[in-house]
Amino acid sequence: MNKPENNPSIQDLNNISIAQSDLRKGYGDGAFGVLSSGFVWLVSSLVALLVSDQTAVWTLFFGGMLIHPLGLLLAKLTGVPGKHSNHNSLGKLVMEGTIFMLMCIPLALLLSLQEHAWFFQGMLLIIGGRYLTFTTLYGIKTYWGLGGILGAAAFALFFFNASPGISALTGAIVELGFSIVLFASFKKPKT
């Protein structure tokens, strides 16, 4: 005979759906964060092309610190709350995933000491991996595509010995494109 704790109720099984819905409503399916990130990648690519590769590395590094606040600002400007419920069971996973990503960034910085382009390619892998977790957080399979494309792009850019500017521009194009898809999906009337 199975113990009750081994047989969760339907209500328990639906809690993840409720938590995902709360995150989607709170952050506009994550579109504003992806848009902000894409913008930072774009600025970094312009800096690489117009100023220097090293300055572009620091642009992405420090600009990355602005992604979350900028995403929240954009969300609030469009009427999206920019926060989730304090009781959301996935809230801790959001923070844990962010901390894991931050812990990986020094690896990309170390790569930049060898070759500046490797910083951007490493960051594409790190951020792509982070986006894969968004599939569970938001319950949106589009994030598998975003994470997978960023990861594949990192390998392709490395294989073809792409410059830092092209590597950063690739991240910008992919993220800006996916932010449009995510925002359109968020605004689409739910049936």
C-alpha atoms as a PDB file:
ATOM      1  CA  MET A   1       0.000   0.000   0.000  1.00  0.00           C
ATOM      2  CA  ASN A   2       1.332   3.407  -0.959  1.00  0.00           C
ATOM      3  CA  LYS A   3       1.810   6.056   1.663  1.00  0.00           C
ATOM      4  CA  PRO A   4      -0.258   9.232   1.176  1.00  0.00           C
ATOM      5  CA  GLU A   5       2.885  11.397   0.874  1.00  0.00           C
ATOM      6  CA  ASN A   6       3.936   9.342  -2.162  1.00  0.00           C
ATOM      7  CA  ASN A   7       0.647  10.048  -3.935  1.00  0.00           C
ATOM      8  CA  PRO A   8       0.293  13.785  -4.366  1.00  0.00           C
ATOM      9  CA  SER A   9      -3.182  15.107  -4.917  1.00  0.00           C
ATOM     10  CA  ILE A  10      -4.252  16.762  -8.157  1.00  0.00           C
ATOM     11  CA  GLN A  11      -4.112  20.096  -6.322  1.00  0.00           C
ATOM     12  CA  ASP A  12      -0.440  19.459  -5.440  1.00  0.00           C
ATOM     13  CA  LEU A  13       0.347  18.529  -9.040  1.00  0.00           C
ATOM     14  CA  ASN A  14      -1.232  21.767 -10.265  1.00  0.00           C
ATOM     15  CA  ASN A  15       0.815  23.962  -7.938  1.00  0.00           C
ATOM     16  CA  ILE A  16       3.650  24.163 -10.466  1.00  0.00           C
ATOM     17  CA  SER A  17       1.156  25.363 -13.076  1.00  0.00           C
ATOM     18  CA  ILE A  18      -0.107  28.026 -10.687  1.00  0.00           C
ATOM     19  CA  ALA A  19       3.463  29.097  -9.858  1.00  0.00           C
ATOM     20  CA  GLN A  20       4.383  29.248 -13.562  1.00  0.00           C
ATOM     21  CA  SER A  21       1.284  31.305 -14.321  1.00  0.00           C
ATOM     22  CA  ASP A  22       2.186  33.723 -11.534  1.00  0.00           C
ATOM     23  CA  LEU A  23       5.691  34.160 -13.001  1.00  0.00           C
ATOM     24  CA  ARG A  24       4.316  34.633 -16.528  1.00  0.00           C
ATOM     25  CA  LYS A  25       1.876  37.315 -15.345  1.00  0.00           C
ATOM     26  CA  GLY A  26       4.452  38.961 -13.100  1.00  0.00           C
ATOM     27  CA  TYR A  27       7.170  39.259 -15.740  1.00  0.00           C
ATOM     28  CA  GLY A  28       5.335  39.264 -19.065  1.00  0.00           C
ATOM     29  CA  ASP A  29       6.512  35.749 -19.982  1.00  0.00           C
ATOM     30  CA  GLY A  30      10.061  37.003 -19.328  1.00  0.00           C
ATOM     31  CA  ALA A  31      10.024  39.046 -22.533  1.00  0.00           C
ATOM     32  CA  PHE A  32      11.251  42.241 -20.863  1.00  0.00           C
ATOM     33  CA  GLY A  33      14.308  40.569 -19.357  1.00  0.00           C
ATOM     34  CA  VAL A  34      15.198  38.992 -22.697  1.00  0.00           C
ATOM     35  CA  LEU A  35      14.700  42.356 -24.417  1.00  0.00           C
ATOM     36  CA  SER A  36      16.924  44.108 -21.873  1.00  0.00           C
ATOM     37  CA  SER A  37      19.585  41.444 -22.240  1.00  0.00           C
ATOM     38  CA  GLY A  38      19.453  41.688 -26.022  1.00  0.00           C
ATOM     39  CA  PHE A  39      19.906  45.438 -25.775  1.00  0.00           C
ATOM     40  CA  VAL A  40      22.981  45.030 -23.549  1.00  0.00           C
ATOM     41  CA  TRP A  41      24.431  42.533 -26.033  1.00  0.00           C
ATOM     42  CA  LEU A  42      23.759  45.021 -28.847  1.00  0.00           C
ATOM     43  CA  VAL A  43      25.529  47.860 -27.030  1.00  0.00           C
ATOM     44  CA  SER A  44      28.435  45.544 -26.289  1.00  0.00           C
ATOM     45  CA  SER A  45      28.704  44.539 -29.948  1.00  0.00           C
ATOM     46  CA  LEU A  46      28.752  48.197 -30.996  1.00  0.00           C
ATOM     47  CA  VAL A  47      31.477  48.910 -28.453  1.00  0.00           C
ATOM     48  CA  ALA A  48      33.510  45.980 -29.818  1.00  0.00           C
ATOM     49  CA  LEU A  49      33.117  47.218 -33.379  1.00  0.00           C
ATOM     50  CA  LEU A  50      33.693  50.927 -32.641  1.00  0.00           C
ATOM     51  CA  VAL A  51      35.908  51.119 -29.532  1.00  0.00           C
ATOM     52  CA  SER A  52      37.767  47.979 -28.425  1.00  0.00           C
ATOM     53  CA  ASP A  53      37.232  44.313 -27.641  1.00  0.00           C
ATOM     54  CA  GLN A  54      38.354  44.717 -24.029  1.00  0.00           C
ATOM     55  CA  THR A  55      35.942  47.599 -23.451  1.00  0.00           C
ATOM     56  CA  ALA A  56      33.183  45.464 -24.965  1.00  0.00           C
ATOM     57  CA  VAL A  57      33.914  42.705 -22.450  1.00  0.00           C
ATOM     58  CA  TRP A  58      33.449  45.173 -19.589  1.00  0.00           C
ATOM     59  CA  THR A  59      30.382  46.645 -21.296  1.00  0.00           C
ATOM     60  CA  LEU A  60      28.654  43.264 -21.291  1.00  0.00           C
ATOM     61  CA  PHE A  61      29.881  42.490 -17.777  1.00  0.00           C
ATOM     62  CA  PHE A  62      28.695  45.736 -16.178  1.00  0.00           C
ATOM     63  CA  GLY A  63      25.739  46.136 -18.530  1.00  0.00           C
ATOM     64  CA  GLY A  64      24.588  42.698 -17.442  1.00  0.00           C
ATOM     65  CA  MET A  65      24.053  44.131 -13.976  1.00  0.00           C
ATOM     66  CA  LEU A  66      21.424  46.431 -15.460  1.00  0.00           C
ATOM     67  CA  ILE A  67      19.414  43.727 -17.234  1.00  0.00           C
ATOM     68  CA  HIS A  68      17.087  42.862 -14.354  1.00  0.00           C
ATOM     69  CA  PRO A  69      16.359  46.463 -13.255  1.00  0.00           C
ATOM     70  CA  LEU A  70      15.854  47.542 -16.874  1.00  0.00           C
ATOM     71  CA  GLY A  71      13.539  44.582 -17.499  1.00  0.00           C
ATOM     72  CA  LEU A  72      11.492  45.479 -14.416  1.00  0.00           C
ATOM     73  CA  LEU A  73      11.262  49.104 -15.530  1.00  0.00           C
ATOM     74  CA  LEU A  74      10.077  48.084 -19.005  1.00  0.00           C
ATOM     75  CA  ALA A  75       7.546  45.705 -17.474  1.00  0.00           C
ATOM     76  CA  LYS A  76       6.122  48.358 -15.179  1.00  0.00           C
ATOM     77  CA  LEU A  77       5.975  50.923 -17.993  1.00  0.00           C
ATOM     78  CA  THR A  78       3.730  48.509 -19.919  1.00  0.00           C
ATOM     79  CA  GLY A  79       1.495  47.661 -16.951  1.00  0.00           C
ATOM     80  CA  VAL A  80       3.121  44.348 -16.017  1.00  0.00           C
ATOM     81  CA  PRO A  81       3.773  44.059 -12.246  1.00  0.00           C
ATOM     82  CA  GLY A  82       7.450  43.076 -12.469  1.00  0.00           C
ATOM     83  CA  LYS A  83       7.197  40.765  -9.475  1.00  0.00           C
ATOM     84  CA  HIS A  84       5.795  37.427  -8.425  1.00  0.00           C
ATOM     85  CA  SER A  85       3.874  36.327  -5.352  1.00  0.00           C
ATOM     86  CA  ASN A  86       5.906  35.914  -2.172  1.00  0.00           C
ATOM     87  CA  HIS A  87       4.331  32.468  -1.842  1.00  0.00           C
ATOM     88  CA  ASN A  88       5.403  31.285  -5.294  1.00  0.00           C
ATOM     89  CA  SER A  89       7.044  27.876  -4.912  1.00  0.00           C
ATOM     90  CA  LEU A  90       9.332  28.590  -7.904  1.00  0.00           C
ATOM     91  CA  GLY A  91      10.596  31.889  -6.478  1.00  0.00           C
ATOM     92  CA  LYS A  92      13.590  30.235  -4.817  1.00  0.00           C
ATOM     93  CA  LEU A  93      14.514  28.475  -8.055  1.00  0.00           C
ATOM     94  CA  VAL A  94      14.572  31.846  -9.823  1.00  0.00           C
ATOM     95  CA  MET A  95      17.145  33.136  -7.332  1.00  0.00           C
ATOM     96  CA  GLU A  96      19.158  29.895  -7.260  1.00  0.00           C
ATOM     97  CA  GLY A  97      19.435  29.869 -11.052  1.00  0.00           C
ATOM     98  CA  THR A  98      20.549  33.489 -11.036  1.00  0.00           C
ATOM     99  CA  ILE A  99      23.224  32.786  -8.430  1.00  0.00           C
ATOM    100  CA  PHE A 100      24.472  29.789 -10.422  1.00  0.00           C
ATOM    101  CA  MET A 101      24.718  31.955 -13.536  1.00  0.00           C
ATOM    102  CA  LEU A 102      26.625  34.648 -11.625  1.00  0.00           C
ATOM    103  CA  MET A 103      29.023  32.015 -10.299  1.00  0.00           C
ATOM    104  CA  CYS A 104      29.820  30.985 -13.886  1.00  0.00           C
ATOM    105  CA  ILE A 105      30.653  34.486 -15.163  1.00  0.00           C
ATOM    106  CA  PRO A 106      34.221  34.468 -13.733  1.00  0.00           C
ATOM    107  CA  LEU A 107      34.919  31.503 -16.034  1.00  0.00           C
ATOM    108  CA  ALA A 108      33.991  33.640 -19.038  1.00  0.00           C
ATOM    109  CA  LEU A 109      36.139  36.483 -17.713  1.00  0.00           C
ATOM    110  CA  LEU A 110      39.092  34.101 -17.421  1.00  0.00           C
ATOM    111  CA  LEU A 111      38.507  33.002 -21.017  1.00  0.00           C
ATOM    112  CA  SER A 112      38.715  36.651 -22.084  1.00  0.00           C
ATOM    113  CA  LEU A 113      42.297  36.781 -20.795  1.00  0.00           C
ATOM    114  CA  GLN A 114      43.200  34.278 -23.507  1.00  0.00           C
ATOM    115  CA  GLU A 115      40.905  35.548 -26.270  1.00  0.00           C
ATOM    116  CA  HIS A 116      38.279  38.304 -26.013  1.00  0.00           C
ATOM    117  CA  ALA A 117      35.848  36.505 -28.312  1.00  0.00           C
ATOM    118  CA  TRP A 118      35.800  33.538 -25.935  1.00  0.00           C
ATOM    119  CA  PHE A 119      34.240  35.734 -23.256  1.00  0.00           C
ATOM    120  CA  PHE A 120      31.222  36.381 -25.461  1.00  0.00           C
ATOM    121  CA  GLN A 121      31.002  32.783 -26.594  1.00  0.00           C
ATOM    122  CA  GLY A 122      31.284  31.589 -22.998  1.00  0.00           C
ATOM    123  CA  MET A 123      28.575  34.011 -21.943  1.00  0.00           C
ATOM    124  CA  LEU A 124      26.325  32.733 -24.734  1.00  0.00           C
ATOM    125  CA  LEU A 125      26.702  29.235 -23.267  1.00  0.00           C
ATOM    126  CA  ILE A 126      26.118  30.402 -19.690  1.00  0.00           C
ATOM    127  CA  ILE A 127      23.076  32.493 -20.541  1.00  0.00           C
ATOM    128  CA  GLY A 128      21.740  29.861 -22.933  1.00  0.00           C
ATOM    129  CA  GLY A 129      21.908  27.318 -20.122  1.00  0.00           C
ATOM    130  CA  ARG A 130      20.115  29.732 -17.815  1.00  0.00           C
ATOM    131  CA  TYR A 131      17.329  30.185 -20.350  1.00  0.00           C
ATOM    132  CA  LEU A 132      16.797  26.418 -20.489  1.00  0.00           C
ATOM    133  CA  THR A 133      15.666  26.579 -16.843  1.00  0.00           C
ATOM    134  CA  PHE A 134      13.116  29.229 -17.816  1.00  0.00           C
ATOM    135  CA  THR A 135      11.183  26.486 -19.611  1.00  0.00           C
ATOM    136  CA  THR A 136      10.334  25.060 -16.188  1.00  0.00           C
ATOM    137  CA  LEU A 137      10.054  28.423 -14.423  1.00  0.00           C
ATOM    138  CA  TYR A 138       7.602  29.923 -16.909  1.00  0.00           C
ATOM    139  CA  GLY A 139       6.221  26.756 -18.449  1.00  0.00           C
ATOM    140  CA  ILE A 140       7.101  28.112 -21.898  1.00  0.00           C
ATOM    141  CA  LYS A 141       8.847  25.783 -24.341  1.00  0.00           C
ATOM    142  CA  THR A 142      10.115  28.749 -26.375  1.00  0.00           C
ATOM    143  CA  TYR A 143      12.944  28.996 -23.857  1.00  0.00           C
ATOM    144  CA  TRP A 144      14.282  25.621 -25.018  1.00  0.00           C
ATOM    145  CA  GLY A 145      14.688  27.185 -28.441  1.00  0.00           C
ATOM    146  CA  LEU A 146      16.302  30.339 -27.060  1.00  0.00           C
ATOM    147  CA  GLY A 147      18.744  28.447 -24.849  1.00  0.00           C
ATOM    148  CA  GLY A 148      19.521  25.895 -27.534  1.00  0.00           C
ATOM    149  CA  ILE A 149      20.151  28.496 -30.226  1.00  0.00           C
ATOM    150  CA  LEU A 150      22.427  30.534 -27.950  1.00  0.00           C
ATOM    151  CA  GLY A 151      24.387  27.402 -27.053  1.00  0.00           C
ATOM    152  CA  ALA A 152      24.679  26.253 -30.666  1.00  0.00           C
ATOM    153  CA  ALA A 153      25.673  29.771 -31.716  1.00  0.00           C
ATOM    154  CA  ALA A 154      28.462  29.785 -29.120  1.00  0.00           C
ATOM    155  CA  PHE A 155      29.943  26.594 -30.563  1.00  0.00           C
ATOM    156  CA  ALA A 156      29.560  27.795 -34.156  1.00  0.00           C
ATOM    157  CA  LEU A 157      31.145  31.165 -33.377  1.00  0.00           C
ATOM    158  CA  PHE A 158      34.058  29.429 -31.666  1.00  0.00           C
ATOM    159  CA  PHE A 159      34.482  26.973 -34.546  1.00  0.00           C
ATOM    160  CA  PHE A 160      34.500  29.782 -37.126  1.00  0.00           C
ATOM    161  CA  ASN A 161      36.800  31.955 -34.982  1.00  0.00           C
ATOM    162  CA  ALA A 162      34.277  34.819 -34.922  1.00  0.00           C
ATOM    163  CA  SER A 163      35.320  38.216 -33.610  1.00  0.00           C
ATOM    164  CA  PRO A 164      34.058  39.601 -30.295  1.00  0.00           C
ATOM    165  CA  GLY A 165      31.816  42.086 -32.139  1.00  0.00           C
ATOM    166  CA  ILE A 166      30.176  39.392 -34.263  1.00  0.00           C
ATOM    167  CA  SER A 167      29.824  37.093 -31.247  1.00  0.00           C
ATOM    168  CA  ALA A 168      28.101  39.835 -29.232  1.00  0.00           C
ATOM    169  CA  LEU A 169      25.952  40.836 -32.203  1.00  0.00           C
ATOM    170  CA  THR A 170      24.795  37.232 -32.543  1.00  0.00           C
ATOM    171  CA  GLY A 171      23.657  37.235 -28.909  1.00  0.00           C
ATOM    172  CA  ALA A 172      21.846  40.526 -29.496  1.00  0.00           C
ATOM    173  CA  ILE A 173      20.022  39.348 -32.609  1.00  0.00           C
ATOM    174  CA  VAL A 174      18.918  36.060 -31.040  1.00  0.00           C
ATOM    175  CA  GLU A 175      17.697  37.643 -27.808  1.00  0.00           C
ATOM    176  CA  LEU A 176      15.983  40.609 -29.452  1.00  0.00           C
ATOM    177  CA  GLY A 177      14.218  38.247 -31.855  1.00  0.00           C
ATOM    178  CA  PHE A 178      13.055  35.941 -29.074  1.00  0.00           C
ATOM    179  CA  SER A 179      11.918  38.900 -26.948  1.00  0.00           C
ATOM    180  CA  ILE A 180       9.516  39.842 -29.741  1.00  0.00           C
ATOM    181  CA  VAL A 181       8.202  36.265 -29.922  1.00  0.00           C
ATOM    182  CA  LEU A 182       7.770  36.101 -26.138  1.00  0.00           C
ATOM    183  CA  PHE A 183       6.055  39.488 -25.933  1.00  0.00           C
ATOM    184  CA  ALA A 184       3.681  38.607 -28.784  1.00  0.00           C
ATOM    185  CA  SER A 185       2.809  35.361 -27.019  1.00  0.00           C
ATOM    186  CA  PHE A 186       2.240  37.221 -23.737  1.00  0.00           C
ATOM    187  CA  LYS A 187      -0.066  39.766 -25.384  1.00  0.00           C
ATOM    188  CA  LYS A 188      -1.962  37.130 -27.350  1.00  0.00           C
ATOM    189  CA  PRO A 189      -5.451  36.678 -25.894  1.00  0.00           C
ATOM    190  CA  LYS A 190      -5.630  33.498 -23.810  1.00  0.00           C
ATOM    191  CA  THR A 191      -8.456  31.117 -24.601  1.00  0.00           C
END
